Amino acid sequence: LSMIILKSKREIEYIREAGRITANALQLMKKLAKPGITTGELDQRCEEYIRSCGAFPSCKGYYGFPATICASVNEEVVHGIPGHRKLKDGDIISIDLVVNKNGYHGDSTVTIPVGHVHPATLKLLKVTEESLYKGIEQAVAGNHLGDIGHAVQSYAESFGYGVVRDYVGHGIGTDMHEDPEVPNYGMAGHGELLEPGMVLAIEPMINMGTEKIRQLKNGWTVVTRDGKPAAHFEHTVAITENGPEILTLPEE
């Protein structure tokens, strides 16, 4: 049985505070992700920004992960390790970031086009982000977890894309990963009942080709099995009496 921790309004405010720093840091990453910069430089700039806000990078040291951001380029789906790799014109980079402020976590991901990106790849990014919002629309009290996954899956698959099965979204709060798991596929009306106070990280990982993936020898980086590009978008979302509230939004 999953142990879902419902959050008070105050706790949701704490998560929103962490989430705002996450979102602002990702805005910075969008500005900096240009041809010639290394993924390691992005990581360093991101960590500096987060610490300047009195917050901490949640992923650094998590099960031994060595960096602040997960930087996944092109066919890398998730958990890419930042380093000496230089971004090139036409690349895409998914930056997955979790920030800890006051003991609460905010988790968000964007996939950023670098320079001039092929239109087919830009479409993958657009559809993946749209599928995230389709999922968020279903994050309503009285719905079920399967409604979120079904919305993501049916939208992404209508474009012929592969929906990654092996990695899923999750609850979030004082732990980066809490119950329940939030798959990006599923049957409408099935799964855990959604109720106010749940806070979920909803994160479609959508591949241009097959949904099948494999892990590289470094023990972290996950790539598409056919080498085609992958996109990843994520928000931390609270389920409230008044519908879903995105907690990972930048300052206006």
Protein backbone atom coordinates (compact mmCIF):
# COMPACT_ATOMS: atom_id res chain seq x y z
CA LEU A 1 0.00 0.00 0.00
CA SER A 2 1.40 3.38 -0.87
CA MET A 3 1.97 5.87 1.94
CA ILE A 4 0.78 9.18 0.56
CA ILE A 5 1.58 12.20 2.72
CA LEU A 6 -1.02 14.95 2.35
CA LYS A 7 0.44 18.46 2.67
CA SER A 8 -0.97 21.36 4.65
CA LYS A 9 -1.42 24.76 3.00
CA ARG A 10 1.72 25.90 4.82
CA GLU A 11 3.72 22.98 3.49
CA ILE A 12 2.47 23.70 -0.02
CA GLU A 13 3.80 27.26 0.40
CA TYR A 14 7.20 25.85 1.39
CA ILE A 15 7.22 23.65 -1.71
CA ARG A 16 6.18 26.65 -3.82
CA GLU A 17 9.14 28.63 -2.43
CA ALA A 18 11.56 25.84 -3.40
CA GLY A 19 9.75 25.47 -6.72
CA ARG A 20 10.13 29.15 -7.57
CA ILE A 21 13.91 28.90 -7.14
CA THR A 22 13.89 25.77 -9.33
CA ALA A 23 11.95 27.62 -12.03
CA ASN A 24 14.15 30.74 -11.86
CA ALA A 25 17.26 28.55 -12.15
CA LEU A 26 15.79 26.82 -15.21
CA GLN A 27 15.11 30.24 -16.78
CA LEU A 28 18.81 30.98 -16.26
CA MET A 29 19.69 27.67 -17.93
CA LYS A 30 17.55 28.60 -20.95
CA LYS A 31 19.53 31.84 -21.33
CA LEU A 32 22.90 30.10 -21.01
CA ALA A 33 22.27 26.97 -23.11
CA LYS A 34 23.94 28.19 -26.30
CA PRO A 35 26.39 26.47 -28.66
CA GLY A 36 29.85 26.25 -27.08
CA ILE A 37 28.93 26.11 -23.40
CA THR A 38 29.68 22.85 -21.58
CA THR A 39 27.13 20.95 -19.55
CA GLY A 40 29.54 21.30 -16.62
CA GLU A 41 29.49 25.10 -16.87
CA LEU A 42 25.68 25.03 -16.85
CA ASP A 43 25.80 22.86 -13.75
CA GLN A 44 28.19 25.21 -11.97
CA ARG A 45 26.15 28.32 -12.79
CA CYS A 46 22.98 26.59 -11.66
CA GLU A 47 24.45 25.53 -8.32
CA GLU A 48 25.81 29.04 -7.68
CA TYR A 49 22.39 30.55 -8.33
CA ILE A 50 20.58 28.07 -6.05
CA ARG A 51 23.02 28.60 -3.17
CA SER A 52 22.73 32.38 -3.60
CA CYS A 53 19.01 31.93 -2.81
CA GLY A 54 19.79 30.18 0.48
CA ALA A 55 18.78 26.83 -1.00
CA PHE A 56 20.52 23.55 -1.87
CA PRO A 57 20.65 21.31 -4.93
CA SER A 58 18.75 18.17 -3.91
CA CYS A 59 20.31 15.85 -6.51
CA LYS A 60 23.94 16.55 -5.60
CA GLY A 61 25.15 13.48 -3.73
CA TYR A 62 21.76 11.74 -4.02
CA TYR A 63 22.75 8.05 -4.22
CA GLY A 64 26.15 9.41 -5.25
CA PHE A 65 24.95 11.57 -8.17
CA PRO A 66 27.83 14.05 -8.67
CA ALA A 67 26.03 17.20 -9.86
CA THR A 68 23.28 19.76 -9.31
CA ILE A 69 21.48 19.23 -12.63
CA CYS A 70 20.74 16.18 -14.70
CA ALA A 71 21.84 17.29 -18.18
CA SER A 72 20.53 14.92 -20.85
CA VAL A 73 21.45 15.76 -24.46
CA ASN A 74 19.65 14.55 -27.61
CA GLU A 75 19.04 10.78 -27.28
CA GLU A 76 19.71 10.91 -23.52
CA VAL A 77 16.37 10.56 -21.73
CA VAL A 78 17.27 11.23 -18.09
CA HIS A 79 20.12 11.36 -15.57
CA GLY A 80 22.79 12.69 -17.89
CA ILE A 81 25.89 13.70 -15.92
CA PRO A 82 27.23 17.21 -16.62
CA GLY A 83 30.86 17.47 -17.67
CA HIS A 84 33.13 18.55 -20.53
CA ARG A 85 30.58 18.03 -23.30
CA LYS A 86 30.08 21.20 -25.34
CA LEU A 87 26.60 21.94 -26.62
CA LYS A 88 26.41 22.19 -30.42
CA ASP A 89 24.04 23.99 -32.75
CA GLY A 90 21.02 21.71 -33.24
CA ASP A 91 21.28 19.88 -29.90
CA ILE A 92 18.50 19.66 -27.37
CA ILE A 93 19.23 19.44 -23.64
CA SER A 94 16.86 18.32 -20.89
CA ILE A 95 17.73 19.92 -17.57
CA ASP A 96 16.11 18.23 -14.59
CA LEU A 97 16.51 20.17 -11.35
CA VAL A 98 15.38 19.68 -7.76
CA VAL A 99 15.89 22.42 -5.17
CA ASN A 100 15.70 22.01 -1.38
CA LYS A 101 14.64 25.09 0.57
CA ASN A 102 13.67 24.83 4.25
CA GLY A 103 13.63 21.04 3.93
CA TYR A 104 11.04 20.99 1.12
CA HIS A 105 11.75 20.11 -2.52
CA GLY A 106 10.67 21.66 -5.82
CA ASP A 107 11.23 19.55 -8.95
CA SER A 108 10.99 20.70 -12.56
CA THR A 109 12.45 19.87 -15.97
CA VAL A 110 12.67 21.69 -19.29
CA THR A 111 14.06 20.54 -22.62
CA ILE A 112 15.86 23.42 -24.30
CA PRO A 113 16.65 23.74 -28.02
CA VAL A 114 20.23 24.86 -28.67
CA GLY A 115 20.69 27.11 -31.70
CA HIS A 116 18.86 25.95 -34.82
CA VAL A 117 17.06 22.70 -34.07
CA HIS A 118 15.42 20.43 -36.66
CA PRO A 119 11.67 21.15 -36.96
CA ALA A 120 10.78 17.49 -36.25
CA THR A 121 12.70 17.71 -32.97
CA LEU A 122 11.10 21.04 -32.06
CA LYS A 123 7.73 19.37 -32.59
CA LEU A 124 8.72 16.60 -30.15
CA LEU A 125 9.52 19.28 -27.54
CA LYS A 126 6.23 21.07 -28.14
CA VAL A 127 4.13 17.90 -27.91
CA THR A 128 5.96 16.70 -24.78
CA GLU A 129 5.33 20.00 -23.02
CA GLU A 130 1.69 19.94 -24.16
CA SER A 131 1.36 16.38 -22.84
CA LEU A 132 2.57 17.61 -19.44
CA TYR A 133 -0.24 20.18 -19.37
CA LYS A 134 -2.75 17.52 -20.49
CA GLY A 135 -1.65 15.50 -17.47
CA ILE A 136 -1.83 18.50 -15.12
CA GLU A 137 -5.41 19.20 -16.29
CA GLN A 138 -6.37 15.79 -14.90
CA ALA A 139 -4.71 16.39 -11.50
CA VAL A 140 -8.06 17.16 -9.94
CA ALA A 141 -9.49 15.93 -6.62
CA GLY A 142 -11.85 13.03 -7.35
CA ASN A 143 -9.90 11.86 -10.40
CA HIS A 144 -7.52 8.91 -10.30
CA LEU A 145 -3.78 8.63 -10.95
CA GLY A 146 -4.59 6.73 -14.14
CA ASP A 147 -6.37 9.80 -15.50
CA ILE A 148 -3.07 11.72 -15.48
CA GLY A 149 -1.10 8.95 -17.18
CA HIS A 150 -3.85 8.28 -19.69
CA ALA A 151 -4.00 11.95 -20.70
CA VAL A 152 -0.23 12.11 -21.24
CA GLN A 153 -0.03 8.81 -23.07
CA SER A 154 -2.99 9.25 -25.40
CA TYR A 155 -1.81 12.71 -26.44
CA ALA A 156 1.85 11.78 -27.03
CA GLU A 157 1.02 8.51 -28.79
CA SER A 158 -1.40 10.30 -31.13
CA PHE A 159 1.76 11.80 -32.71
CA GLY A 160 3.43 8.39 -33.00
CA TYR A 161 5.87 9.03 -30.14
CA GLY A 162 7.09 6.53 -27.56
CA VAL A 163 6.11 7.08 -23.92
CA VAL A 164 8.85 5.92 -21.53
CA ARG A 165 7.56 3.25 -19.12
CA ASP A 166 10.62 2.65 -16.94
CA TYR A 167 10.70 6.08 -15.27
CA VAL A 168 7.72 7.80 -13.70
CA GLY A 169 6.69 10.90 -11.82
CA HIS A 170 6.25 10.82 -8.05
CA GLY A 171 4.95 12.46 -4.93
CA ILE A 172 7.21 15.13 -3.45
CA GLY A 173 7.58 17.07 -0.20
CA THR A 174 10.22 16.71 2.51
CA ASP A 175 11.54 13.81 0.41
CA MET A 176 12.44 14.24 -3.24
CA HIS A 177 10.64 11.00 -4.12
CA GLU A 178 7.50 10.11 -2.17
CA ASP A 179 4.49 7.95 -2.90
CA PRO A 180 2.61 7.66 -5.15
CA GLU A 181 4.36 6.83 -8.40
CA VAL A 182 2.88 8.87 -11.27
CA PRO A 183 3.25 6.94 -14.55
CA ASN A 184 2.95 8.72 -17.90
CA TYR A 185 0.64 5.98 -19.17
CA GLY A 186 -2.40 4.24 -17.74
CA MET A 187 -6.12 3.72 -17.78
CA ALA A 188 -8.54 6.52 -17.05
CA GLY A 189 -10.48 5.95 -13.83
CA HIS A 190 -7.87 3.55 -12.40
CA GLY A 191 -5.29 3.87 -9.65
CA GLU A 192 -5.08 5.91 -6.48
CA LEU A 193 -7.83 8.48 -5.84
CA LEU A 194 -6.53 12.05 -6.03
CA GLU A 195 -7.32 14.31 -3.06
CA PRO A 196 -6.52 17.84 -1.94
CA GLY A 197 -3.12 18.10 -0.28
CA MET A 198 -1.39 15.68 -2.62
CA VAL A 199 1.69 17.16 -4.29
CA LEU A 200 2.90 15.38 -7.41
CA ALA A 201 5.85 15.76 -9.75
CA ILE A 202 4.34 15.06 -13.17
CA GLU A 203 7.05 14.44 -15.75
CA PRO A 204 6.43 13.04 -19.23
CA MET A 205 9.52 11.55 -20.90
CA ILE A 206 8.65 11.18 -24.56
CA ASN A 207 10.82 9.65 -27.28
CA MET A 208 10.66 10.40 -30.99
CA GLY A 209 10.91 6.67 -31.74
CA THR A 210 10.60 3.62 -29.52
CA GLU A 211 9.75 3.98 -25.84
CA LYS A 212 12.48 1.44 -25.11
CA ILE A 213 15.56 2.69 -23.29
CA ARG A 214 18.86 1.43 -21.92
CA GLN A 215 21.26 2.61 -19.22
CA LEU A 216 24.86 3.52 -20.02
CA LYS A 217 27.81 1.95 -18.23
CA ASN A 218 28.19 5.01 -15.96
CA GLY A 219 25.22 3.65 -14.02
CA TRP A 220 23.16 6.84 -14.46
CA THR A 221 22.58 8.06 -17.99
CA VAL A 222 19.54 6.58 -19.74
CA VAL A 223 19.34 6.73 -23.55
CA THR A 224 16.76 5.79 -26.17
CA ARG A 225 17.43 2.34 -27.57
CA ASP A 226 17.09 3.54 -31.18
CA GLY A 227 19.27 6.64 -30.69
CA LYS A 228 16.44 9.04 -31.58
CA PRO A 229 15.90 12.21 -29.52
CA ALA A 230 13.98 12.29 -26.24
CA ALA A 231 12.21 15.19 -24.53
CA HIS A 232 11.33 15.66 -20.86
CA PHE A 233 9.16 18.31 -19.18
CA GLU A 234 8.11 18.39 -15.53
CA HIS A 235 6.26 20.49 -12.99
CA THR A 236 5.55 20.04 -9.29
CA VAL A 237 1.77 20.29 -8.90
CA ALA A 238 -0.47 20.58 -5.82
CA ILE A 239 -3.97 19.14 -5.91
CA THR A 240 -6.25 21.68 -4.23
CA GLU A 241 -9.98 22.19 -3.67
CA ASN A 242 -9.82 24.58 -6.63
CA GLY A 243 -8.00 22.36 -9.09
CA PRO A 244 -4.32 21.82 -9.89
CA GLU A 245 -1.76 24.45 -8.89
CA ILE A 246 1.68 24.48 -10.47
CA LEU A 247 4.29 25.15 -7.76
CA THR A 248 7.33 25.39 -10.07
CA LEU A 249 6.69 28.74 -11.76
CA PRO A 250 9.30 31.52 -12.07
CA GLU A 251 8.79 34.91 -10.50
CA GLU A 252 6.60 37.03 -12.73
